[in-house]
Every structure is written in C-alpha cells, then in structure tokens.
Amino acid sequence: MRRSHIVLGFLVIILFAALQLHAQQNAHTISMPETLKWVEPPVLPGARLAVVQGDSSKEGPFVYRLKMPAAYKIPPHIHKASENVTVLVGVFSIGVGEKFDQRAAHELPVGGFVSIPPNHPHFAWAGSQETVVQVHGVGPTDLTFVDPADDPRRKK
C-alpha cells in the first residue's frame, strides 16, 4: 500500500509539472510600448526594430515593429514567408516590383494594412515624418534584396 502511495505521489508531481509547462507555453503575451527594446537591425541601418513576440527566423508566429526616420527607403526585396504590415504611426508607402518606382506605390496612412505573399518583390519608404509599422507573420522568414548591392550586410 505504501509503495502505491509513493508511485501515485510521483505521478501527481509529474502531471503537475507537465501542466505548468503547458500553461507557460500557451500563456498570453502582453507587451507594453515602454518595455520594447529597440535595436538597429544590420539589414536596415538607420531604422530601429523591436521584437514584440516570437522570432522571425524560427518556426512559429512572430510580431515586430519597425521604426523609420522620415523619408527612409527600403530597396526592392523579398521574404520567404508572407509579410503582414500595419501602419501604427506616420505614412508608409509600398510598391510591387523589382525596381524602386515611387509612382507605382500605394500610400498607407495610420491603420493601413498590406499583406505581401512569399517571394513577392516589393519596396517601401516612410513618409515625411517618423513612421512605425508592425509586421506579423509565421516564420521562418528572411529579407533578401533583389539587387545584392543594396544589402548593407555585404558592404564592409
């Protein structure tokens, strides 16, 4: 009888630990603006990026914010996963294609949204004031410039 109590107690402890781990993995994520850690991403020098949730280079959902100074330009590029962008501050313009052509772009105001399919060449720029966008998707993803000469990681 004593041995069965020990085994039962051990099983209860294992079950409790498993439930705690499951709860941690499925917990809500709350992020406040003042707690975001802004860094300059090597792929977009001069801009600032803050991870809100996840890791865009790994499997699973991700959310990050990109803060750009006025008139900041992002040359034509692609991503290997869909990219969903919502404008939070300022004006964000986006165009489709392998050449940066401002005449072929759409201007998105605060609240504007665009969804870009995987491997779809596009370019973008910030309006006349600092602009912040929120990007979300399911990783893994990346950023590959159409023209390798536009990649600041190659310039040393």
N, C-alpha and C. Protein backbone atom coordinates (compact mmCIF):
# COMPACT_ATOMS: atom_id res chain seq x y z
N MET A 1 0.83 -1.19 0.00
CA MET A 1 0.00 0.00 0.00
C MET A 1 0.87 1.25 0.00
N ARG A 2 1.92 1.26 0.83
CA ARG A 2 2.81 2.43 0.93
C ARG A 2 3.49 2.69 -0.42
N ARG A 3 3.89 1.62 -1.08
CA ARG A 3 4.56 1.77 -2.37
C ARG A 3 3.62 2.41 -3.41
N SER A 4 2.34 2.03 -3.40
CA SER A 4 1.38 2.62 -4.35
C SER A 4 1.16 4.11 -4.06
N HIS A 5 1.23 4.52 -2.79
CA HIS A 5 1.11 5.95 -2.45
C HIS A 5 2.31 6.74 -2.98
N ILE A 6 3.47 6.13 -2.89
CA ILE A 6 4.69 6.79 -3.39
C ILE A 6 4.59 6.95 -4.91
N VAL A 7 4.19 5.88 -5.60
CA VAL A 7 4.05 5.94 -7.06
C VAL A 7 2.98 6.96 -7.44
N LEU A 8 1.85 6.95 -6.75
CA LEU A 8 0.78 7.89 -7.03
C LEU A 8 1.25 9.33 -6.79
N GLY A 9 1.96 9.56 -5.71
CA GLY A 9 2.50 10.90 -5.42
C GLY A 9 3.47 11.35 -6.50
N PHE A 10 4.31 10.44 -6.95
CA PHE A 10 5.28 10.76 -8.00
C PHE A 10 4.54 11.12 -9.30
N LEU A 11 3.50 10.37 -9.65
CA LEU A 11 2.72 10.64 -10.86
C LEU A 11 2.00 11.99 -10.76
N VAL A 12 1.51 12.34 -9.60
CA VAL A 12 0.85 13.64 -9.41
C VAL A 12 1.86 14.77 -9.62
N ILE A 13 3.07 14.62 -9.11
CA ILE A 13 4.11 15.65 -9.28
C ILE A 13 4.45 15.80 -10.77
N ILE A 14 4.62 14.69 -11.48
CA ILE A 14 4.93 14.74 -12.91
C ILE A 14 3.79 15.41 -13.68
N LEU A 15 2.55 15.05 -13.36
CA LEU A 15 1.39 15.65 -14.02
C LEU A 15 1.34 17.16 -13.76
N PHE A 16 1.57 17.57 -12.54
CA PHE A 16 1.56 18.99 -12.19
C PHE A 16 2.65 19.74 -12.96
N ALA A 17 3.84 19.17 -13.04
CA ALA A 17 4.95 19.81 -13.77
C ALA A 17 4.61 19.93 -15.25
N ALA A 18 4.01 18.88 -15.82
CA ALA A 18 3.64 18.91 -17.24
C ALA A 18 2.57 19.98 -17.49
N LEU A 19 1.60 20.10 -16.60
CA LEU A 19 0.56 21.13 -16.75
C LEU A 19 1.15 22.53 -16.65
N GLN A 20 2.10 22.73 -15.75
CA GLN A 20 2.75 24.03 -15.61
C GLN A 20 3.50 24.39 -16.89
N LEU A 21 4.24 23.44 -17.46
CA LEU A 21 4.97 23.68 -18.69
C LEU A 21 4.00 24.01 -19.82
N HIS A 22 2.91 23.26 -19.92
CA HIS A 22 1.91 23.52 -20.94
C HIS A 22 1.31 24.92 -20.77
N ALA A 23 1.01 25.31 -19.56
CA ALA A 23 0.45 26.64 -19.30
C ALA A 23 1.43 27.74 -19.69
N GLN A 24 2.71 27.54 -19.44
CA GLN A 24 3.72 28.54 -19.80
C GLN A 24 3.82 28.68 -21.31
N GLN A 25 3.74 27.56 -22.03
CA GLN A 25 3.86 27.59 -23.48
C GLN A 25 2.64 28.22 -24.14
N ASN A 26 1.50 28.17 -23.50
CA ASN A 26 0.27 28.69 -24.07
C ASN A 26 -0.22 29.94 -23.33
N ALA A 27 0.67 30.63 -22.65
CA ALA A 27 0.29 31.83 -21.91
C ALA A 27 0.08 33.00 -22.86
N HIS A 28 -0.69 33.95 -22.42
CA HIS A 28 -0.87 35.19 -23.17
C HIS A 28 0.46 35.94 -23.21
N THR A 29 0.65 36.69 -24.29
CA THR A 29 1.80 37.57 -24.38
C THR A 29 1.30 39.00 -24.28
N ILE A 30 1.82 39.72 -23.32
CA ILE A 30 1.48 41.13 -23.17
C ILE A 30 2.75 41.93 -23.34
N SER A 31 2.67 42.94 -24.19
CA SER A 31 3.84 43.78 -24.46
C SER A 31 3.41 45.23 -24.34
N MET A 32 4.15 46.00 -23.60
CA MET A 32 3.85 47.42 -23.43
C MET A 32 4.89 48.24 -24.19
N PRO A 33 4.48 49.35 -24.79
CA PRO A 33 5.42 50.16 -25.59
C PRO A 33 6.69 50.54 -24.84
N GLU A 34 6.57 50.86 -23.58
CA GLU A 34 7.75 51.30 -22.82
C GLU A 34 8.72 50.17 -22.50
N THR A 35 8.31 48.93 -22.69
CA THR A 35 9.21 47.81 -22.40
C THR A 35 9.88 47.24 -23.66
N LEU A 36 9.50 47.75 -24.82
CA LEU A 36 10.12 47.25 -26.06
C LEU A 36 11.58 47.65 -26.10
N LYS A 37 12.41 46.75 -26.60
CA LYS A 37 13.84 47.00 -26.74
C LYS A 37 14.14 47.25 -28.22
N TRP A 38 14.44 48.50 -28.55
CA TRP A 38 14.69 48.89 -29.92
C TRP A 38 16.15 48.72 -30.27
N VAL A 39 16.42 48.07 -31.40
CA VAL A 39 17.80 47.87 -31.87
C VAL A 39 17.88 48.24 -33.35
N GLU A 40 19.07 48.52 -33.81
CA GLU A 40 19.27 48.80 -35.23
C GLU A 40 19.58 47.48 -35.93
N PRO A 41 18.69 47.02 -36.82
CA PRO A 41 18.95 45.75 -37.50
C PRO A 41 20.03 45.93 -38.58
N PRO A 42 20.97 45.01 -38.67
CA PRO A 42 22.04 45.13 -39.67
C PRO A 42 21.51 45.23 -41.10
N VAL A 43 20.37 44.64 -41.35
CA VAL A 43 19.81 44.64 -42.71
C VAL A 43 19.14 45.97 -43.06
N LEU A 44 18.80 46.78 -42.05
CA LEU A 44 18.14 48.07 -42.28
C LEU A 44 18.79 49.15 -41.43
N PRO A 45 20.03 49.52 -41.73
CA PRO A 45 20.72 50.54 -40.92
C PRO A 45 19.98 51.87 -40.95
N GLY A 46 19.91 52.50 -39.79
CA GLY A 46 19.19 53.76 -39.66
C GLY A 46 17.77 53.59 -39.17
N ALA A 47 17.22 52.39 -39.31
CA ALA A 47 15.90 52.07 -38.77
C ALA A 47 16.09 51.44 -37.39
N ARG A 48 15.00 51.28 -36.66
CA ARG A 48 15.03 50.61 -35.35
C ARG A 48 13.97 49.51 -35.37
N LEU A 49 14.29 48.38 -34.75
CA LEU A 49 13.38 47.23 -34.72
C LEU A 49 13.19 46.77 -33.29
N ALA A 50 11.95 46.44 -32.94
CA ALA A 50 11.63 45.89 -31.62
C ALA A 50 10.81 44.63 -31.80
N VAL A 51 11.27 43.53 -31.22
CA VAL A 51 10.53 42.27 -31.27
C VAL A 51 9.41 42.34 -30.24
N VAL A 52 8.20 42.09 -30.68
CA VAL A 52 7.04 42.07 -29.79
C VAL A 52 6.79 40.64 -29.32
N GLN A 53 6.90 39.69 -30.26
CA GLN A 53 6.67 38.28 -29.93
C GLN A 53 7.37 37.40 -30.95
N GLY A 54 7.89 36.28 -30.48
CA GLY A 54 8.46 35.27 -31.36
C GLY A 54 9.81 35.64 -31.92
N ASP A 55 10.21 34.88 -32.93
CA ASP A 55 11.49 35.07 -33.61
C ASP A 55 11.24 34.78 -35.08
N SER A 56 11.36 35.80 -35.91
CA SER A 56 11.02 35.64 -37.33
C SER A 56 11.93 34.66 -38.07
N SER A 57 13.07 34.32 -37.48
CA SER A 57 13.97 33.38 -38.14
C SER A 57 13.66 31.92 -37.79
N LYS A 58 12.67 31.72 -36.91
CA LYS A 58 12.33 30.37 -36.47
C LYS A 58 10.88 30.03 -36.78
N GLU A 59 10.54 28.73 -36.70
CA GLU A 59 9.17 28.27 -36.89
C GLU A 59 8.25 28.95 -35.89
N GLY A 60 7.08 29.37 -36.35
CA GLY A 60 6.07 29.91 -35.45
C GLY A 60 5.75 31.36 -35.71
N PRO A 61 4.73 31.85 -34.99
CA PRO A 61 4.30 33.23 -35.19
C PRO A 61 5.33 34.23 -34.68
N PHE A 62 5.37 35.39 -35.34
CA PHE A 62 6.25 36.47 -34.90
C PHE A 62 5.55 37.80 -35.11
N VAL A 63 5.94 38.78 -34.30
CA VAL A 63 5.47 40.15 -34.44
C VAL A 63 6.65 41.05 -34.10
N TYR A 64 6.91 42.03 -34.95
CA TYR A 64 7.92 43.03 -34.62
C TYR A 64 7.47 44.39 -35.12
N ARG A 65 8.07 45.42 -34.58
CA ARG A 65 7.79 46.78 -35.02
C ARG A 65 9.04 47.37 -35.63
N LEU A 66 8.85 48.15 -36.68
CA LEU A 66 9.95 48.80 -37.36
C LEU A 66 9.70 50.30 -37.34
N LYS A 67 10.66 51.04 -36.78
CA LYS A 67 10.58 52.50 -36.68
C LYS A 67 11.58 53.08 -37.67
N MET A 68 11.08 53.96 -38.55
CA MET A 68 11.92 54.53 -39.61
C MET A 68 11.90 56.05 -39.53
N PRO A 69 13.05 56.68 -39.75
CA PRO A 69 13.04 58.14 -39.82
C PRO A 69 12.32 58.61 -41.08
N ALA A 70 11.98 59.89 -41.14
CA ALA A 70 11.31 60.46 -42.31
C ALA A 70 12.09 60.13 -43.58
N ALA A 71 11.35 59.79 -44.63
CA ALA A 71 11.88 59.51 -45.97
C ALA A 71 12.81 58.29 -46.04
N TYR A 72 12.78 57.43 -45.06
CA TYR A 72 13.60 56.22 -45.05
C TYR A 72 13.15 55.29 -46.17
N LYS A 73 14.09 54.77 -46.95
CA LYS A 73 13.76 53.89 -48.08
C LYS A 73 14.25 52.47 -47.83
N ILE A 74 13.41 51.51 -48.22
CA ILE A 74 13.77 50.09 -48.18
C ILE A 74 13.77 49.61 -49.63
N PRO A 75 14.96 49.27 -50.16
CA PRO A 75 15.06 48.86 -51.58
C PRO A 75 14.25 47.59 -51.87
N PRO A 76 14.01 47.30 -53.15
CA PRO A 76 13.27 46.10 -53.53
C PRO A 76 13.88 44.83 -52.89
N HIS A 77 12.99 44.01 -52.36
CA HIS A 77 13.41 42.80 -51.65
C HIS A 77 12.28 41.78 -51.63
N ILE A 78 12.60 40.58 -51.16
CA ILE A 78 11.60 39.52 -50.99
C ILE A 78 11.77 38.90 -49.60
N HIS A 79 10.74 38.16 -49.20
CA HIS A 79 10.77 37.37 -47.96
C HIS A 79 10.32 35.95 -48.32
N LYS A 80 10.80 34.96 -47.60
CA LYS A 80 10.38 33.59 -47.90
C LYS A 80 9.05 33.22 -47.26
N ALA A 81 8.49 34.11 -46.43
CA ALA A 81 7.17 33.90 -45.83
C ALA A 81 6.31 35.13 -46.08
N SER A 82 5.01 35.00 -45.92
CA SER A 82 4.12 36.16 -46.05
C SER A 82 4.49 37.21 -45.02
N GLU A 83 4.30 38.46 -45.41
CA GLU A 83 4.58 39.59 -44.52
C GLU A 83 3.31 40.42 -44.43
N ASN A 84 2.85 40.67 -43.21
CA ASN A 84 1.63 41.44 -42.97
C ASN A 84 2.03 42.70 -42.21
N VAL A 85 1.71 43.86 -42.77
CA VAL A 85 2.20 45.12 -42.24
C VAL A 85 1.01 46.04 -41.92
N THR A 86 1.01 46.60 -40.71
CA THR A 86 0.03 47.59 -40.29
C THR A 86 0.75 48.86 -39.90
N VAL A 87 0.29 50.00 -40.38
CA VAL A 87 0.90 51.28 -40.06
C VAL A 87 0.37 51.76 -38.70
N LEU A 88 1.30 52.03 -37.77
CA LEU A 88 0.92 52.50 -36.44
C LEU A 88 1.10 54.01 -36.29
N VAL A 89 2.15 54.55 -36.91
CA VAL A 89 2.46 55.98 -36.82
C VAL A 89 2.98 56.43 -38.18
N GLY A 90 2.55 57.60 -38.64
CA GLY A 90 3.07 58.17 -39.88
C GLY A 90 2.39 57.63 -41.12
N VAL A 91 3.11 57.71 -42.22
CA VAL A 91 2.63 57.24 -43.53
C VAL A 91 3.69 56.30 -44.09
N PHE A 92 3.24 55.17 -44.64
CA PHE A 92 4.13 54.16 -45.17
C PHE A 92 3.69 53.87 -46.60
N SER A 93 4.60 53.98 -47.52
CA SER A 93 4.28 53.70 -48.93
C SER A 93 4.96 52.41 -49.34
N ILE A 94 4.23 51.62 -50.15
CA ILE A 94 4.76 50.34 -50.59
C ILE A 94 4.43 50.12 -52.06
N GLY A 95 5.42 49.60 -52.78
CA GLY A 95 5.24 49.30 -54.19
C GLY A 95 5.65 47.88 -54.48
N VAL A 96 5.16 47.37 -55.60
CA VAL A 96 5.44 46.00 -56.00
C VAL A 96 6.36 46.03 -57.22
N GLY A 97 7.36 45.16 -57.19
CA GLY A 97 8.24 45.05 -58.34
C GLY A 97 9.71 45.02 -57.94
N GLU A 98 10.54 44.77 -58.93
CA GLU A 98 11.98 44.63 -58.70
C GLU A 98 12.73 45.95 -58.82
N LYS A 99 12.05 47.02 -59.22
CA LYS A 99 12.66 48.35 -59.34
C LYS A 99 11.94 49.31 -58.40
N PHE A 100 12.71 50.19 -57.76
CA PHE A 100 12.13 51.18 -56.85
C PHE A 100 11.49 52.28 -57.70
N ASP A 101 10.17 52.29 -57.77
CA ASP A 101 9.42 53.25 -58.58
C ASP A 101 8.31 53.84 -57.72
N GLN A 102 8.55 55.05 -57.20
CA GLN A 102 7.58 55.67 -56.30
C GLN A 102 6.23 55.91 -56.97
N ARG A 103 6.20 56.04 -58.28
CA ARG A 103 4.93 56.26 -58.98
C ARG A 103 4.04 55.01 -58.94
N ALA A 104 4.64 53.85 -58.70
CA ALA A 104 3.89 52.60 -58.73
C ALA A 104 3.57 52.09 -57.32
N ALA A 105 3.47 53.01 -56.37
CA ALA A 105 3.29 52.61 -54.97
C ALA A 105 1.92 53.02 -54.43
N HIS A 106 1.58 52.44 -53.30
CA HIS A 106 0.36 52.78 -52.57
C HIS A 106 0.76 53.42 -51.25
N GLU A 107 0.12 54.52 -50.92
CA GLU A 107 0.39 55.22 -49.66
C GLU A 107 -0.59 54.72 -48.60
N LEU A 108 -0.04 54.25 -47.48
CA LEU A 108 -0.88 53.73 -46.40
C LEU A 108 -0.82 54.68 -45.21
N PRO A 109 -1.97 55.19 -44.76
CA PRO A 109 -2.00 56.04 -43.58
C PRO A 109 -2.03 55.20 -42.31
N VAL A 110 -2.08 55.84 -41.16
CA VAL A 110 -2.21 55.12 -39.89
C VAL A 110 -3.43 54.20 -39.98
N GLY A 111 -3.25 52.95 -39.61
CA GLY A 111 -4.31 51.96 -39.70
C GLY A 111 -4.31 51.19 -41.01
N GLY A 112 -3.55 51.69 -42.00
CA GLY A 112 -3.46 50.99 -43.29
C GLY A 112 -2.78 49.65 -43.12
N PHE A 113 -3.13 48.72 -43.99
CA PHE A 113 -2.62 47.34 -43.89
C PHE A 113 -2.28 46.83 -45.27
N VAL A 114 -1.20 46.05 -45.35
CA VAL A 114 -0.85 45.36 -46.59
C VAL A 114 -0.34 43.97 -46.24
N SER A 115 -0.70 43.00 -47.07
CA SER A 115 -0.22 41.63 -46.92
C SER A 115 0.53 41.27 -48.20
N ILE A 116 1.78 40.86 -48.02
CA ILE A 116 2.64 40.55 -49.17
C ILE A 116 2.91 39.05 -49.19
N PRO A 117 2.62 38.37 -50.30
CA PRO A 117 2.86 36.93 -50.36
C PRO A 117 4.36 36.61 -50.35
N PRO A 118 4.69 35.36 -50.06
CA PRO A 118 6.10 34.96 -50.08
C PRO A 118 6.73 35.18 -51.46
N ASN A 119 8.02 35.50 -51.45
CA ASN A 119 8.82 35.64 -52.68
C ASN A 119 8.23 36.64 -53.68
N HIS A 120 7.58 37.67 -53.18
CA HIS A 120 6.94 38.69 -54.00
C HIS A 120 7.76 39.98 -53.88
N PRO A 121 8.50 40.38 -54.92
CA PRO A 121 9.36 41.56 -54.81
C PRO A 121 8.55 42.83 -54.50
N HIS A 122 9.04 43.60 -53.53
CA HIS A 122 8.39 44.85 -53.15
C HIS A 122 9.42 45.80 -52.54
N PHE A 123 9.04 47.06 -52.42
CA PHE A 123 9.89 48.10 -51.84
C PHE A 123 9.00 49.02 -51.03
N ALA A 124 9.61 49.85 -50.20
CA ALA A 124 8.80 50.71 -49.34
C ALA A 124 9.59 51.93 -48.89
N TRP A 125 8.87 52.91 -48.35
CA TRP A 125 9.53 54.07 -47.75
C TRP A 125 8.58 54.75 -46.76
N ALA A 126 9.20 55.47 -45.84
CA ALA A 126 8.46 56.23 -44.83
C ALA A 126 8.10 57.59 -45.42
N GLY A 127 7.02 58.17 -44.90
CA GLY A 127 6.59 59.48 -45.36
C GLY A 127 7.46 60.60 -44.80
N SER A 128 6.89 61.78 -44.67
CA SER A 128 7.64 62.97 -44.29
C SER A 128 7.88 63.09 -42.79
N GLN A 129 7.47 62.09 -42.03
CA GLN A 129 7.73 62.08 -40.58
C GLN A 129 8.14 60.67 -40.16
N GLU A 130 8.63 60.55 -38.93
CA GLU A 130 8.97 59.21 -38.42
C GLU A 130 7.76 58.30 -38.59
N THR A 131 8.00 57.07 -39.01
CA THR A 131 6.93 56.11 -39.28
C THR A 131 7.22 54.82 -38.53
N VAL A 132 6.16 54.24 -37.96
CA VAL A 132 6.28 52.96 -37.26
C VAL A 132 5.25 52.01 -37.86
N VAL A 133 5.74 50.82 -38.24
CA VAL A 133 4.85 49.78 -38.74
C VAL A 133 5.00 48.55 -37.85
N GLN A 134 3.95 47.76 -37.80
CA GLN A 134 4.00 46.48 -37.10
C GLN A 134 3.89 45.39 -38.15
N VAL A 135 4.82 44.44 -38.08
CA VAL A 135 4.89 43.35 -39.05
C VAL A 135 4.61 42.04 -38.31
N HIS A 136 3.74 41.22 -38.87
CA HIS A 136 3.49 39.91 -38.27
C HIS A 136 3.40 38.85 -39.36
N GLY A 137 3.66 37.63 -38.95
CA GLY A 137 3.61 36.51 -39.88
C GLY A 137 3.95 35.22 -39.16
N VAL A 138 4.23 34.21 -39.94
CA VAL A 138 4.63 32.90 -39.41
C VAL A 138 5.98 32.56 -40.01
N GLY A 139 6.97 32.39 -39.14
CA GLY A 139 8.33 32.12 -39.59
C GLY A 139 8.53 30.65 -39.89
N PRO A 140 9.68 30.38 -40.44
CA PRO A 140 10.81 31.30 -40.58
C PRO A 140 10.67 32.18 -41.82
N THR A 141 11.26 33.37 -41.71
CA THR A 141 11.32 34.28 -42.84
C THR A 141 12.67 34.97 -42.86
N ASP A 142 12.87 35.79 -43.86
CA ASP A 142 14.14 36.49 -44.03
C ASP A 142 13.90 37.73 -44.86
N LEU A 143 14.95 38.42 -45.23
CA LEU A 143 14.88 39.56 -46.14
C LEU A 143 16.04 39.43 -47.11
N THR A 144 15.72 39.29 -48.40
CA THR A 144 16.74 39.16 -49.44
C THR A 144 16.52 40.29 -50.45
N PHE A 145 17.54 41.13 -50.64
CA PHE A 145 17.42 42.23 -51.59
C PHE A 145 17.47 41.71 -53.01
N VAL A 146 16.64 42.28 -53.88
CA VAL A 146 16.63 41.90 -55.30
C VAL A 146 18.00 42.16 -55.91
N ASP A 147 18.56 43.33 -55.62
CA ASP A 147 19.91 43.67 -56.08
C ASP A 147 20.86 43.47 -54.89
N PRO A 148 21.74 42.48 -54.94
CA PRO A 148 22.65 42.23 -53.82
C PRO A 148 23.46 43.46 -53.41
N ALA A 149 23.67 44.39 -54.32
CA ALA A 149 24.42 45.61 -53.99
C ALA A 149 23.67 46.48 -52.98
N ASP A 150 22.35 46.29 -52.85
CA ASP A 150 21.55 47.05 -51.88
C ASP A 150 21.67 46.51 -50.45
N ASP A 151 22.26 45.33 -50.30
CA ASP A 151 22.35 44.68 -48.99
C ASP A 151 23.48 45.28 -48.16
N PRO A 152 23.16 46.02 -47.09
CA PRO A 152 24.21 46.64 -46.28
C PRO A 152 25.09 45.63 -45.54
N ARG A 153 24.62 44.40 -45.41
CA ARG A 153 25.44 43.38 -44.75
C ARG A 153 26.62 42.99 -45.60
N ARG A 154 26.57 43.26 -46.90
CA ARG A 154 27.68 42.94 -47.82
C ARG A 154 28.70 44.06 -47.91
N LYS A 155 28.31 45.25 -47.44
CA LYS A 155 29.20 46.42 -47.51
C LYS A 155 30.02 46.49 -46.23
N LYS A 156 31.29 46.27 -46.35
CA LYS A 156 32.16 46.28 -45.14
C LYS A 156 33.25 47.28 -45.31
